C-alpha atoms as a PDB file:
ATOM      1  CA  MET A   1     142.298 108.661  85.109  1.00  0.00           C
ATOM      2  CA  GLY A   2     140.141 107.529  88.427  1.00  0.00           C
ATOM      3  CA  LYS A   3     136.647 106.881  88.111  1.00  0.00           C
ATOM      4  CA  LYS A   4     134.749 109.833  88.807  1.00  0.00           C
ATOM      5  CA  LEU A   5     130.888 109.848  89.175  1.00  0.00           C
ATOM      6  CA  THR A   6     127.827 112.215  88.657  1.00  0.00           C
ATOM      7  CA  GLY A   7     125.323 113.249  90.947  1.00  0.00           C
ATOM      8  CA  TYR A   8     122.961 116.395  91.067  1.00  0.00           C
ATOM      9  CA  VAL A   9     121.736 118.422  94.130  1.00  0.00           C
ATOM     10  CA  GLY A  10     118.061 119.474  93.967  1.00  0.00           C
ATOM     11  CA  THR A  11     117.387 122.657  95.997  1.00  0.00           C
ATOM     12  CA  TYR A  12     114.746 125.129  97.482  1.00  0.00           C
ATOM     13  CA  THR A  13     115.561 128.825  95.768  1.00  0.00           C
ATOM     14  CA  LYS A  14     114.508 131.499  98.854  1.00  0.00           C
ATOM     15  CA  ALA A  15     118.106 132.644  98.987  1.00  0.00           C
ATOM     16  CA  ASP A  16     121.669 131.748  97.241  1.00  0.00           C
ATOM     17  CA  SER A  17     120.565 128.885  95.521  1.00  0.00           C
ATOM     18  CA  GLU A  18     120.013 128.837  91.702  1.00  0.00           C
ATOM     19  CA  GLY A  19     118.110 125.831  91.014  1.00  0.00           C
ATOM     20  CA  VAL A  20     119.291 121.794  90.541  1.00  0.00           C
ATOM     21  CA  TYR A  21     123.707 121.347  91.012  1.00  0.00           C
ATOM     22  CA  LYS A  22     125.757 119.041  89.394  1.00  0.00           C
ATOM     23  CA  PHE A  23     128.844 117.679  91.666  1.00  0.00           C
ATOM     24  CA  THR A  24     131.666 114.742  91.217  1.00  0.00           C
ATOM     25  CA  LEU A  25     132.147 111.988  93.131  1.00  0.00           C
ATOM     26  CA  ASP A  26     136.133 111.262  92.516  1.00  0.00           C
ATOM     27  CA  LEU A  27     136.893 107.494  93.707  1.00  0.00           C
ATOM     28  CA  ASP A  28     139.963 107.904  93.661  1.00  0.00           C
ATOM     29  CA  ASP A  29     139.970 110.649  95.984  1.00  0.00           C
ATOM     30  CA  GLU A  30     137.186 109.965  98.118  1.00  0.00           C
ATOM     31  CA  SER A  31     136.046 113.674  97.587  1.00  0.00           C
ATOM     32  CA  ILE A  32     132.784 115.959  96.214  1.00  0.00           C
ATOM     33  CA  THR A  33     134.678 118.428  93.422  1.00  0.00           C
ATOM     34  CA  GLU A  34     132.631 120.682  91.349  1.00  0.00           C
ATOM     35  CA  VAL A  35     129.634 121.703  92.657  1.00  0.00           C
ATOM     36  CA  THR A  36     128.087 124.363  90.315  1.00  0.00           C
ATOM     37  CA  PRO A  37     125.077 125.068  88.735  1.00  0.00           C
ATOM     38  CA  VAL A  38     123.779 122.772  85.565  1.00  0.00           C
ATOM     39  CA  ALA A  39     119.988 123.925  85.500  1.00  0.00           C
ATOM     40  CA  LYS A  40     118.630 127.045  86.697  1.00  0.00           C
ATOM     41  CA  LEU A  41     114.894 126.520  88.179  1.00  0.00           C
ATOM     42  CA  ASN A  42     112.788 127.537  91.037  1.00  0.00           C
ATOM     43  CA  ASN A  43     112.502 124.805  93.970  1.00  0.00           C
ATOM     44  CA  PRO A  44     113.291 121.814  91.883  1.00  0.00           C
ATOM     45  CA  THR A  45     113.462 120.320  95.618  1.00  0.00           C
ATOM     46  CA  TYR A  46     112.476 116.191  94.397  1.00  0.00           C
ATOM     47  CA  LEU A  47     114.570 115.003  91.314  1.00  0.00           C
ATOM     48  CA  THR A  48     114.485 111.748  89.217  1.00  0.00           C
ATOM     49  CA  VAL A  49     117.236 110.485  87.147  1.00  0.00           C
ATOM     50  CA  THR A  50     116.287 107.389  84.348  1.00  0.00           C
ATOM     51  CA  LYS A  51     117.265 104.337  85.011  1.00  0.00           C
ATOM     52  CA  ASP A  52     119.276 104.618  81.075  1.00  0.00           C
ATOM     53  CA  ASN A  53     121.025 108.013  81.812  1.00  0.00           C
ATOM     54  CA  LYS A  54     119.511 109.894  79.436  1.00  0.00           C
ATOM     55  CA  PHE A  55     116.353 112.258  81.407  1.00  0.00           C
ATOM     56  CA  LEU A  56     116.139 113.695  84.966  1.00  0.00           C
ATOM     57  CA  TYR A  57     112.499 115.348  85.762  1.00  0.00           C
ATOM     58  CA  ALA A  58     112.578 118.038  88.597  1.00  0.00           C
ATOM     59  CA  VAL A  59     109.885 119.336  90.461  1.00  0.00           C
ATOM     60  CA  SER A  60     109.391 123.190  90.129  1.00  0.00           C
ATOM     61  CA  LYS A  61     107.812 126.115  90.557  1.00  0.00           C
ATOM     62  CA  GLU A  62     106.848 128.943  87.826  1.00  0.00           C
ATOM     63  CA  GLY A  63     105.317 131.676  89.151  1.00  0.00           C
ATOM     64  CA  ASP A  64     101.685 131.069  90.770  1.00  0.00           C
ATOM     65  CA  ASN A  65     102.297 127.499  88.864  1.00  0.00           C
ATOM     66  CA  GLY A  66     103.436 124.134  90.111  1.00  0.00           C
ATOM     67  CA  GLY A  67     104.860 121.296  87.838  1.00  0.00           C
ATOM     68  CA  VAL A  68     107.562 119.162  86.612  1.00  0.00           C
ATOM     69  CA  THR A  69     110.059 119.537  84.462  1.00  0.00           C
ATOM     70  CA  ALA A  70     111.677 117.513  81.658  1.00  0.00           C
ATOM     71  CA  PHE A  71     115.429 117.570  80.918  1.00  0.00           C
ATOM     72  CA  ALA A  72     118.234 115.607  78.892  1.00  0.00           C
ATOM     73  CA  ILE A  73     121.202 114.553  80.252  1.00  0.00           C
ATOM     74  CA  ASP A  74     124.286 115.485  78.093  1.00  0.00           C
ATOM     75  CA  ASP A  75     125.954 111.711  77.896  1.00  0.00           C
ATOM     76  CA  GLU A  76     129.111 113.197  78.554  1.00  0.00           C
ATOM     77  CA  THR A  77     129.246 116.139  80.358  1.00  0.00           C
ATOM     78  CA  GLY A  78     126.574 115.202  81.859  1.00  0.00           C
ATOM     79  CA  ASP A  79     124.666 118.590  81.802  1.00  0.00           C
ATOM     80  CA  LEU A  80     121.037 118.941  81.812  1.00  0.00           C
ATOM     81  CA  THR A  81     119.178 121.045  78.345  1.00  0.00           C
ATOM     82  CA  LYS A  82     115.522 121.596  79.375  1.00  0.00           C
ATOM     83  CA  LEU A  83     113.116 119.572  77.254  1.00  0.00           C
ATOM     84  CA  ASN A  84     109.883 121.202  78.514  1.00  0.00           C
ATOM     85  CA  SER A  85     107.563 121.451  82.251  1.00  0.00           C
ATOM     86  CA  LYS A  86     104.217 120.999  83.002  1.00  0.00           C
ATOM     87  CA  ALA A  87     102.567 123.314  85.799  1.00  0.00           C
ATOM     88  CA  SER A  88      99.166 124.132  87.543  1.00  0.00           C
ATOM     89  CA  ALA A  89      97.793 126.308  89.580  1.00  0.00           C
ATOM     90  CA  GLY A  90      98.939 125.745  93.471  1.00  0.00           C
ATOM     91  CA  SER A  91     101.866 124.756  94.965  1.00  0.00           C
ATOM     92  CA  PRO A  92     104.648 122.477  93.092  1.00  0.00           C
ATOM     93  CA  PRO A  93     104.638 118.505  94.334  1.00  0.00           C
ATOM     94  CA  CYS A  94     107.208 117.879  96.451  1.00  0.00           C
ATOM     95  CA  HIS A  95     108.690 113.944  94.511  1.00  0.00           C
ATOM     96  CA  VAL A  96     108.915 112.649  91.358  1.00  0.00           C
ATOM     97  CA  SER A  97     109.675 109.014  89.816  1.00  0.00           C
ATOM     98  CA  VAL A  98     109.784 107.850  86.381  1.00  0.00           C
ATOM     99  CA  THR A  99     109.538 104.063  85.132  1.00  0.00           C
ATOM    100  CA  ASP A 100     112.747 102.505  83.482  1.00  0.00           C
ATOM    101  CA  ASP A 101     111.366 101.881  80.025  1.00  0.00           C
ATOM    102  CA  ASN A 102     110.609 106.321  80.202  1.00  0.00           C
ATOM    103  CA  THR A 103     107.473 105.873  79.362  1.00  0.00           C
ATOM    104  CA  ASN A 104     105.319 107.435  83.075  1.00  0.00           C
ATOM    105  CA  VAL A 105     106.416 109.919  85.335  1.00  0.00           C
ATOM    106  CA  VAL A 106     104.141 110.394  88.571  1.00  0.00           C
ATOM    107  CA  THR A 107     104.345 113.111  90.809  1.00  0.00           C
ATOM    108  CA  ALA A 108     102.857 114.233  95.222  1.00  0.00           C
ATOM    109  CA  ASN A 109     102.020 117.332  96.096  1.00  0.00           C
ATOM    110  CA  TYR A 110     102.175 117.376  99.696  1.00  0.00           C
ATOM    111  CA  HIS A 111     100.212 121.026  99.283  1.00  0.00           C
ATOM    112  CA  THR A 112      97.399 120.604  96.610  1.00  0.00           C
ATOM    113  CA  LYS A 113      96.683 116.208  98.154  1.00  0.00           C
ATOM    114  CA  LYS A 114      96.888 115.983  94.777  1.00  0.00           C
ATOM    115  CA  ILE A 115      98.694 112.619  92.748  1.00  0.00           C
ATOM    116  CA  LYS A 116      99.706 113.190  88.616  1.00  0.00           C
ATOM    117  CA  SER A 117     100.744 110.530  86.339  1.00  0.00           C
ATOM    118  CA  TYR A 118     102.049 111.903  83.028  1.00  0.00           C
ATOM    119  CA  LEU A 119     102.681 109.877  79.541  1.00  0.00           C
ATOM    120  CA  ILE A 120     106.297 111.075  78.114  1.00  0.00           C
ATOM    121  CA  ASN A 121     107.333 110.964  74.508  1.00  0.00           C
ATOM    122  CA  THR A 122     109.663 109.368  73.010  1.00  0.00           C
ATOM    123  CA  ASP A 123     112.337 112.135  73.177  1.00  0.00           C
ATOM    124  CA  GLY A 124     112.062 112.779  77.099  1.00  0.00           C
ATOM    125  CA  SER A 125     109.634 115.180  77.427  1.00  0.00           C
ATOM    126  CA  LEU A 126     106.467 115.451  79.604  1.00  0.00           C
ATOM    127  CA  LYS A 127     103.252 115.238  77.927  1.00  0.00           C
ATOM    128  CA  LEU A 128      99.735 116.424  78.985  1.00  0.00           C
ATOM    129  CA  VAL A 129      99.146 114.822  82.342  1.00  0.00           C
ATOM    130  CA  ALA A 130      97.446 111.418  82.313  1.00  0.00           C
ATOM    131  CA  ASP A 131      95.443 110.891  85.306  1.00  0.00           C
ATOM    132  CA  VAL A 132      94.946 113.335  88.593  1.00  0.00           C
ATOM    133  CA  VAL A 133      93.945 111.477  91.766  1.00  0.00           C
ATOM    134  CA  GLU A 134      93.106 114.125  94.526  1.00  0.00           C
ATOM    135  CA  HIS A 135      93.105 112.301  97.867  1.00  0.00           C
ATOM    136  CA  GLU A 136      90.992 113.202 101.125  1.00  0.00           C
ATOM    137  CA  GLY A 137      91.711 112.540 105.334  1.00  0.00           C
ATOM    138  CA  SER A 138      92.929 112.938 108.261  1.00  0.00           C
ATOM    139  CA  GLY A 139      94.895 112.339 111.253  1.00  0.00           C
ATOM    140  CA  PRO A 140      95.392 113.038 115.431  1.00  0.00           C
ATOM    141  CA  HIS A 141      98.977 115.522 115.053  1.00  0.00           C
ATOM    142  CA  GLU A 142      98.155 118.986 114.397  1.00  0.00           C
ATOM    143  CA  ARG A 143      99.848 118.731 110.899  1.00  0.00           C
ATOM    144  CA  GLN A 144      97.082 115.778 110.068  1.00  0.00           C
ATOM    145  CA  GLU A 145      94.915 118.267 109.155  1.00  0.00           C
ATOM    146  CA  LYS A 146      94.529 117.090 105.490  1.00  0.00           C
ATOM    147  CA  PRO A 147      96.141 114.806 103.236  1.00  0.00           C
ATOM    148  CA  HIS A 148      99.766 115.870 102.303  1.00  0.00           C
ATOM    149  CA  MET A 149     100.953 113.570  99.527  1.00  0.00           C
ATOM    150  CA  HIS A 150     104.487 112.851  99.844  1.00  0.00           C
ATOM    151  CA  PHE A 151     105.782 109.821  97.699  1.00  0.00           C
ATOM    152  CA  ALA A 152     104.540 108.763  94.242  1.00  0.00           C
ATOM    153  CA  GLY A 153     106.821 105.424  93.335  1.00  0.00           C
ATOM    154  CA  PHE A 154     106.174 102.872  91.111  1.00  0.00           C
ATOM    155  CA  THR A 155     106.030  98.589  92.529  1.00  0.00           C
ATOM    156  CA  PRO A 156     109.236  96.726  90.934  1.00  0.00           C
ATOM    157  CA  ASP A 157     106.747  95.347  88.409  1.00  0.00           C
ATOM    158  CA  GLU A 158     105.527  98.453  88.013  1.00  0.00           C
ATOM    159  CA  LYS A 159     102.037  97.362  87.645  1.00  0.00           C
ATOM    160  CA  TYR A 160     101.469  99.305  90.616  1.00  0.00           C
ATOM    161  CA  VAL A 161     102.089 102.962  91.947  1.00  0.00           C
ATOM    162  CA  ILE A 162     102.104 103.180  96.017  1.00  0.00           C
ATOM    163  CA  THR A 163     101.423 106.825  97.052  1.00  0.00           C
ATOM    164  CA  ILE A 164     102.386 107.655 100.209  1.00  0.00           C
ATOM    165  CA  ASP A 165      99.718 110.341 102.181  1.00  0.00           C
ATOM    166  CA  LEU A 166     102.045 111.289 105.566  1.00  0.00           C
ATOM    167  CA  GLY A 167      98.613 113.650 106.497  1.00  0.00           C
ATOM    168  CA  SER A 168      96.079 110.422 106.453  1.00  0.00           C
ATOM    169  CA  ASP A 169      98.482 107.470 107.696  1.00  0.00           C
ATOM    170  CA  SER A 170      98.289 105.770 104.584  1.00  0.00           C
ATOM    171  CA  LEU A 171      99.336 104.479 102.096  1.00  0.00           C
ATOM    172  CA  THR A 172      97.125 103.457  99.013  1.00  0.00           C
ATOM    173  CA  THR A 173      98.422 101.000  96.287  1.00  0.00           C
ATOM    174  CA  TYR A 174      96.912 101.788  92.440  1.00  0.00           C
ATOM    175  CA  ALA A 175      97.107  99.843  89.449  1.00  0.00           C
ATOM    176  CA  VAL A 176      98.008 102.037  86.586  1.00  0.00           C
ATOM    177  CA  ASN A 177      97.658 101.854  83.101  1.00  0.00           C
ATOM    178  CA  ASN A 178      99.224 103.992  80.339  1.00  0.00           C
ATOM    179  CA  GLY A 179      99.006 106.514  82.696  1.00  0.00           C
ATOM    180  CA  GLU A 180      95.819 105.926  84.636  1.00  0.00           C
ATOM    181  CA  LEU A 181      95.394 105.090  88.329  1.00  0.00           C
ATOM    182  CA  THR A 182      92.653 102.997  89.322  1.00  0.00           C
ATOM    183  CA  LYS A 183      92.892 102.369  93.148  1.00  0.00           C
ATOM    184  CA  VAL A 184      93.170  98.993  94.641  1.00  0.00           C
ATOM    185  CA  HIS A 185      94.462  99.017  97.899  1.00  0.00           C
ATOM    186  CA  THR A 186      94.800 101.039 101.169  1.00  0.00           C
ATOM    187  CA  LEU A 187      97.109 100.187 104.080  1.00  0.00           C
ATOM    188  CA  LYS A 188      96.845 102.695 107.552  1.00  0.00           C
ATOM    189  CA  THR A 189      99.900 103.124 109.848  1.00  0.00           C
ATOM    190  CA  LYS A 190      99.944 103.738 113.326  1.00  0.00           C
ATOM    191  CA  PRO A 191      97.971 106.977 114.180  1.00  0.00           C
ATOM    192  CA  GLY A 192      99.943 110.232 114.111  1.00  0.00           C
ATOM    193  CA  SER A 193     102.865 108.242 112.235  1.00  0.00           C
ATOM    194  CA  GLY A 194     103.194 111.094 110.013  1.00  0.00           C
ATOM    195  CA  PRO A 195     104.423 108.507 106.750  1.00  0.00           C
ATOM    196  CA  ARG A 196     107.109 110.255 104.253  1.00  0.00           C
ATOM    197  CA  HIS A 197     109.131 107.957 101.699  1.00  0.00           C
ATOM    198  CA  MET A 198     109.416 104.546 101.239  1.00  0.00           C
ATOM    199  CA  VAL A 199     111.759 101.654  99.458  1.00  0.00           C
ATOM    200  CA  PHE A 200     111.252  98.022  97.651  1.00  0.00           C
ATOM    201  CA  HIS A 201     114.204  95.714  98.553  1.00  0.00           C
ATOM    202  CA  PRO A 202     115.835  93.795  95.966  1.00  0.00           C
ATOM    203  CA  ASP A 203     113.554  91.181  96.339  1.00  0.00           C
ATOM    204  CA  GLY A 204     110.195  92.095  96.147  1.00  0.00           C
ATOM    205  CA  LYS A 205     108.484  91.145  98.267  1.00  0.00           C
ATOM    206  CA  HIS A 206     109.378  93.629 101.067  1.00  0.00           C
ATOM    207  CA  ALA A 207     109.249  96.918 101.407  1.00  0.00           C
ATOM    208  CA  TYR A 208     110.321 100.132 104.423  1.00  0.00           C
ATOM    209  CA  VAL A 209     108.771 103.370 105.156  1.00  0.00           C
ATOM    210  CA  MET A 210     110.486 106.261 107.068  1.00  0.00           C
ATOM    211  CA  THR A 211     107.754 108.046 109.168  1.00  0.00           C
ATOM    212  CA  GLU A 212     108.652 111.593 109.255  1.00  0.00           C
ATOM    213  CA  LEU A 213     106.015 112.900 112.312  1.00  0.00           C
ATOM    214  CA  THR A 214     107.397 109.921 115.419  1.00  0.00           C
ATOM    215  CA  SER A 215     110.657 108.928 113.602  1.00  0.00           C
ATOM    216  CA  GLU A 216     110.393 105.134 113.064  1.00  0.00           C
ATOM    217  CA  VAL A 217     110.950 102.813 109.933  1.00  0.00           C
ATOM    218  CA  ILE A 218     107.938 100.459 109.533  1.00  0.00           C
ATOM    219  CA  VAL A 219     108.810  97.188 107.639  1.00  0.00           C
ATOM    220  CA  LEU A 220     105.882  95.680 105.370  1.00  0.00           C
ATOM    221  CA  GLU A 221     105.867  92.340 103.738  1.00  0.00           C
ATOM    222  CA  TYR A 222     104.107  93.266  99.530  1.00  0.00           C
ATOM    223  CA  HIS A 223     102.062  90.871  97.888  1.00  0.00           C
ATOM    224  CA  ALA A 224     103.181  91.791  94.486  1.00  0.00           C
ATOM    225  CA  GLU A 225     100.174  89.381  93.112  1.00  0.00           C
ATOM    226  CA  ASP A 226      97.307  91.827  94.430  1.00  0.00           C
ATOM    227  CA  GLY A 227      99.511  95.274  95.207  1.00  0.00           C
ATOM    228  CA  HIS A 228      98.374  95.123  99.199  1.00  0.00           C
ATOM    229  CA  PHE A 229     101.047  95.370 102.184  1.00  0.00           C
ATOM    230  CA  THR A 230     101.118  94.052 106.062  1.00  0.00           C
ATOM    231  CA  GLU A 231     102.888  95.112 108.719  1.00  0.00           C
ATOM    232  CA  LYS A 232     106.092  93.821 109.770  1.00  0.00           C
ATOM    233  CA  GLN A 233     107.638  95.882 112.310  1.00  0.00           C
ATOM    234  CA  TYR A 234     108.190  99.661 114.110  1.00  0.00           C
ATOM    235  CA  ILE A 235     111.048 100.686 114.917  1.00  0.00           C
ATOM    236  CA  ASN A 236     112.477 103.659 116.718  1.00  0.00           C
ATOM    237  CA  ALA A 237     115.271 106.024 113.949  1.00  0.00           C
ATOM    238  CA  ILE A 238     115.866 108.385 116.839  1.00  0.00           C
ATOM    239  CA  PRO A 239     117.111 107.363 120.693  1.00  0.00           C
ATOM    240  CA  SER A 240     114.306 106.764 123.036  1.00  0.00           C
ATOM    241  CA  ASP A 241     116.331 109.715 125.563  1.00  0.00           C
ATOM    242  CA  TYR A 242     116.201 112.656 121.885  1.00  0.00           C
ATOM    243  CA  ASN A 243     113.407 114.511 123.075  1.00  0.00           C
ATOM    244  CA  ASP A 244     113.819 117.736 120.746  1.00  0.00           C
ATOM    245  CA  VAL A 245     111.886 118.475 117.441  1.00  0.00           C
ATOM    246  CA  ASN A 246     112.773 115.011 114.724  1.00  0.00           C
ATOM    247  CA  ASP A 247     111.486 115.443 111.058  1.00  0.00           C
ATOM    248  CA  GLY A 248     111.702 111.946 109.402  1.00  0.00           C
ATOM    249  CA  SER A 249     112.745 112.446 105.861  1.00  0.00           C
ATOM    250  CA  ALA A 250     114.522 109.714 103.717  1.00  0.00           C
ATOM    251  CA  ILE A 251     115.541 106.039 103.074  1.00  0.00           C
ATOM    252  CA  HIS A 252     117.137 103.958 101.160  1.00  0.00           C
ATOM    253  CA  ILE A 253     118.519 100.417 100.788  1.00  0.00           C
ATOM    254  CA  THR A 254     121.653  98.657  99.657  1.00  0.00           C
ATOM    255  CA  LYS A 255     121.776  97.417  96.302  1.00  0.00           C
ATOM    256  CA  ASP A 256     122.261  93.536  98.404  1.00  0.00           C
ATOM    257  CA  GLY A 257     119.302  94.185 100.271  1.00  0.00           C
ATOM    258  CA  LYS A 258     121.356  94.215 103.505  1.00  0.00           C
ATOM    259  CA  PHE A 259     121.325  97.287 104.919  1.00  0.00           C
ATOM    260  CA  VAL A 260     118.745  99.891 104.576  1.00  0.00           C
ATOM    261  CA  TYR A 261     119.692 103.941 106.154  1.00  0.00           C
ATOM    262  CA  VAL A 262     117.177 106.245 107.061  1.00  0.00           C
ATOM    263  CA  ALA A 263     117.799 110.817 107.711  1.00  0.00           C
ATOM    264  CA  ASN A 264     116.269 112.261 110.739  1.00  0.00           C
ATOM    265  CA  ARG A 265     116.248 116.599 110.589  1.00  0.00           C
ATOM    266  CA  GLY A 266     116.452 117.812 114.024  1.00  0.00           C
ATOM    267  CA  HIS A 267     118.592 114.897 115.338  1.00  0.00           C
ATOM    268  CA  ASN A 268     120.461 115.600 111.750  1.00  0.00           C
ATOM    269  CA  SER A 269     121.639 111.744 112.077  1.00  0.00           C
ATOM    270  CA  ILE A 270     122.039 108.910 109.440  1.00  0.00           C
ATOM    271  CA  ALA A 271     120.796 105.580 111.089  1.00  0.00           C
ATOM    272  CA  ALA A 272     121.722 101.898 109.346  1.00  0.00           C
ATOM    273  CA  TYR A 273     120.212  99.305 110.148  1.00  0.00           C
ATOM    274  CA  GLU A 274     120.692  95.366 109.392  1.00  0.00           C
ATOM    275  CA  VAL A 275     118.059  93.700 107.717  1.00  0.00           C
ATOM    276  CA  ASP A 276     117.804  89.890 109.031  1.00  0.00           C
ATOM    277  CA  GLN A 277     118.051  88.193 105.601  1.00  0.00           C
ATOM    278  CA  ALA A 278     114.656  85.392 107.051  1.00  0.00           C
ATOM    279  CA  THR A 279     112.668  87.612 108.431  1.00  0.00           C
ATOM    280  CA  ASN A 280     113.439  91.265 106.834  1.00  0.00           C
ATOM    281  CA  LYS A 281     113.253  93.016 110.195  1.00  0.00           C
ATOM    282  CA  LEU A 282     115.735  95.660 111.229  1.00  0.00           C
ATOM    283  CA  THR A 283     118.310  95.675 113.884  1.00  0.00           C
ATOM    284  CA  LEU A 284     119.537  99.361 114.444  1.00  0.00           C
ATOM    285  CA  VAL A 285     123.686  99.128 113.414  1.00  0.00           C
ATOM    286  CA  GLU A 286     124.354 102.694 114.590  1.00  0.00           C
ATOM    287  CA  SER A 287     123.675 106.464 114.787  1.00  0.00           C
ATOM    288  CA  LYS A 288     126.005 108.911 113.086  1.00  0.00           C
ATOM    289  CA  SER A 289     126.080 112.670 112.519  1.00  0.00           C
ATOM    290  CA  THR A 290     125.483 114.568 109.009  1.00  0.00           C
ATOM    291  CA  GLU A 291     127.461 117.190 110.525  1.00  0.00           C
ATOM    292  CA  GLY A 292     125.327 119.501 109.345  1.00  0.00           C
ATOM    293  CA  ASP A 293     121.596 120.936 109.962  1.00  0.00           C
ATOM    294  CA  TRP A 294     118.037 119.193 108.522  1.00  0.00           C
ATOM    295  CA  PRO A 295     119.625 116.135 106.670  1.00  0.00           C
ATOM    296  CA  ARG A 296     116.487 116.002 104.129  1.00  0.00           C
ATOM    297  CA  ASP A 297     118.101 113.786 101.665  1.00  0.00           C
ATOM    298  CA  PHE A 298     121.141 111.550 100.997  1.00  0.00           C
ATOM    299  CA  VAL A 299     122.615 109.348  98.625  1.00  0.00           C
ATOM    300  CA  LEU A 300     124.013 105.936  97.939  1.00  0.00           C
ATOM    301  CA  ASP A 301     126.486 106.042  95.377  1.00  0.00           C
ATOM    302  CA  PRO A 302     125.520 103.187  92.733  1.00  0.00           C
ATOM    303  CA  SER A 303     128.652 101.055  93.724  1.00  0.00           C
ATOM    304  CA  ASN A 304     127.281 101.728  97.132  1.00  0.00           C
ATOM    305  CA  ARG A 305     130.435 102.273  99.138  1.00  0.00           C
ATOM    306  CA  TYR A 306     130.164 105.897  99.507  1.00  0.00           C
ATOM    307  CA  LEU A 307     126.397 107.929 100.929  1.00  0.00           C
ATOM    308  CA  VAL A 308     126.030 111.103 100.641  1.00  0.00           C
ATOM    309  CA  ALA A 309     123.768 113.721 102.698  1.00  0.00           C
ATOM    310  CA  SER A 310     122.729 117.071 102.207  1.00  0.00           C
ATOM    311  CA  ASN A 311     121.786 119.381 105.022  1.00  0.00           C
ATOM    312  CA  GLN A 312     119.396 121.295 103.966  1.00  0.00           C
ATOM    313  CA  LYS A 313     119.753 124.460 106.346  1.00  0.00           C
ATOM    314  CA  THR A 314     123.327 124.803 106.776  1.00  0.00           C
ATOM    315  CA  GLY A 315     123.220 124.158 102.921  1.00  0.00           C
ATOM    316  CA  THR A 316     125.694 121.464 102.593  1.00  0.00           C
ATOM    317  CA  LEU A 317     126.826 117.637 101.280  1.00  0.00           C
ATOM    318  CA  THR A 318     128.425 115.502 103.517  1.00  0.00           C
ATOM    319  CA  LEU A 319     130.863 112.628 102.407  1.00  0.00           C
ATOM    320  CA  PHE A 320     130.347 109.009 103.899  1.00  0.00           C
ATOM    321  CA  ARG A 321     132.407 105.986 103.490  1.00  0.00           C
ATOM    322  CA  ARG A 322     130.658 102.448 104.009  1.00  0.00           C
ATOM    323  CA  GLU A 323     131.664  99.435 105.699  1.00  0.00           C
ATOM    324  CA  GLU A 324     130.027  96.812 103.070  1.00  0.00           C
ATOM    325  CA  THR A 325     129.890  94.023 105.932  1.00  0.00           C
ATOM    326  CA  THR A 326     129.348  96.075 108.351  1.00  0.00           C
ATOM    327  CA  GLY A 327     127.419  98.357 106.970  1.00  0.00           C
ATOM    328  CA  LYS A 328     129.105 101.262 109.326  1.00  0.00           C
ATOM    329  CA  LEU A 329     130.152 104.928 107.910  1.00  0.00           C
ATOM    330  CA  THR A 330     132.703 106.527 108.246  1.00  0.00           C
ATOM    331  CA  MET A 331     132.689 109.828 107.613  1.00  0.00           C
ATOM    332  CA  ILE A 332     135.309 110.966 104.981  1.00  0.00           C
ATOM    333  CA  GLN A 333     134.195 115.235 103.871  1.00  0.00           C
ATOM    334  CA  ALA A 334     131.919 117.462 105.519  1.00  0.00           C
ATOM    335  CA  GLY A 335     130.458 121.059 105.138  1.00  0.00           C
ATOM    336  CA  ILE A 336     131.006 121.013 100.824  1.00  0.00           C
ATOM    337  CA  THR A 337     129.169 124.060 100.276  1.00  0.00           C
ATOM    338  CA  ALA A 338     125.069 123.072  98.060  1.00  0.00           C
ATOM    339  CA  PRO A 339     123.279 125.747  98.755  1.00  0.00           C
ATOM    340  CA  GLU A 340     119.691 124.753 100.369  1.00  0.00           C
ATOM    341  CA  ALA A 341     120.274 121.278  98.881  1.00  0.00           C
ATOM    342  CA  VAL A 342     117.092 119.090  99.593  1.00  0.00           C
ATOM    343  CA  CYS A 343     117.939 116.348  96.880  1.00  0.00           C
ATOM    344  CA  VAL A 344     120.687 114.216  96.118  1.00  0.00           C
ATOM    345  CA  LYS A 345     120.414 111.652  93.080  1.00  0.00           C
ATOM    346  CA  PHE A 346     123.508 109.985  91.573  1.00  0.00           C
ATOM    347  CA  LEU A 347     123.991 109.018  87.749  1.00  0.00           C
ATOM    348  CA  ASN A 348     123.819 105.516  87.480  1.00  0.00           C
ATOM    349  CA  ASP A 349     125.948 102.722  86.546  1.00  0.00           C
END
């Protein structure tokens, strides 16, 4: 029997979706099958899987409350068993991350301006909130009337949490100690750029940020000794002659650090960049249609030979084969039904 990989889809549940979905990527057939609901949950738009594949954490909505829900992952079937959830008044968060040692979860909330940090019990369930940080600020764009926290993630050494505020064009570094967050540095990006998501280079010394409002990738140098960043490059994610609406969305990097990919909602594309191994700056390789509408996220499989994009408005996944030396993508399966798909994750190697 050939190798099969298990993935998960986080969704909105405003129409047909039931919550979190599971799917199989068959490496022999190069196809995605068995997209089935695996956990009933309201608006689990973003997910994260622990490094050891034992637990999955999903942002979630419970009535008028929003928070995060913890699941145990069955190591044979990949099915999910709910452990517990923590929620409070207000909209659910839009992003969630977890440490490699399964001790700390952080969430970012677009609507409430808040970053929340949770400690984790040994069984994977969530303890009470360890810390809450509320941001202030604004920007020149009409969507920047207040902070819109869109990302909270750990640095490679996990000494810091990096938060990204689309509303005030800022990346803030927090020292993290037993779940408590202490602000140590803020980087202001180009006014009106609306930074959204980031990914670190495997060298631990560089990072890449996708902007939502200007559809650009920012190349950053990361200074691990004190957690601050310096800008090195801005590069467009859509063609200069594209004038319709586009919202930049997700950004991911290959394990070898040679290629960065970003998604564009509106232009409905994945842009591929080659990383200069001397400077870490980017050069555009190609822009590829996602064969669907509004690609809110995508994921590289553990081998990095495949990429799966999630098209929210068409409710579909698209599977690409990735050429490892050039970084180019070849579409091999489109129109895979995944209702209101937002986020895609694979179990780790």
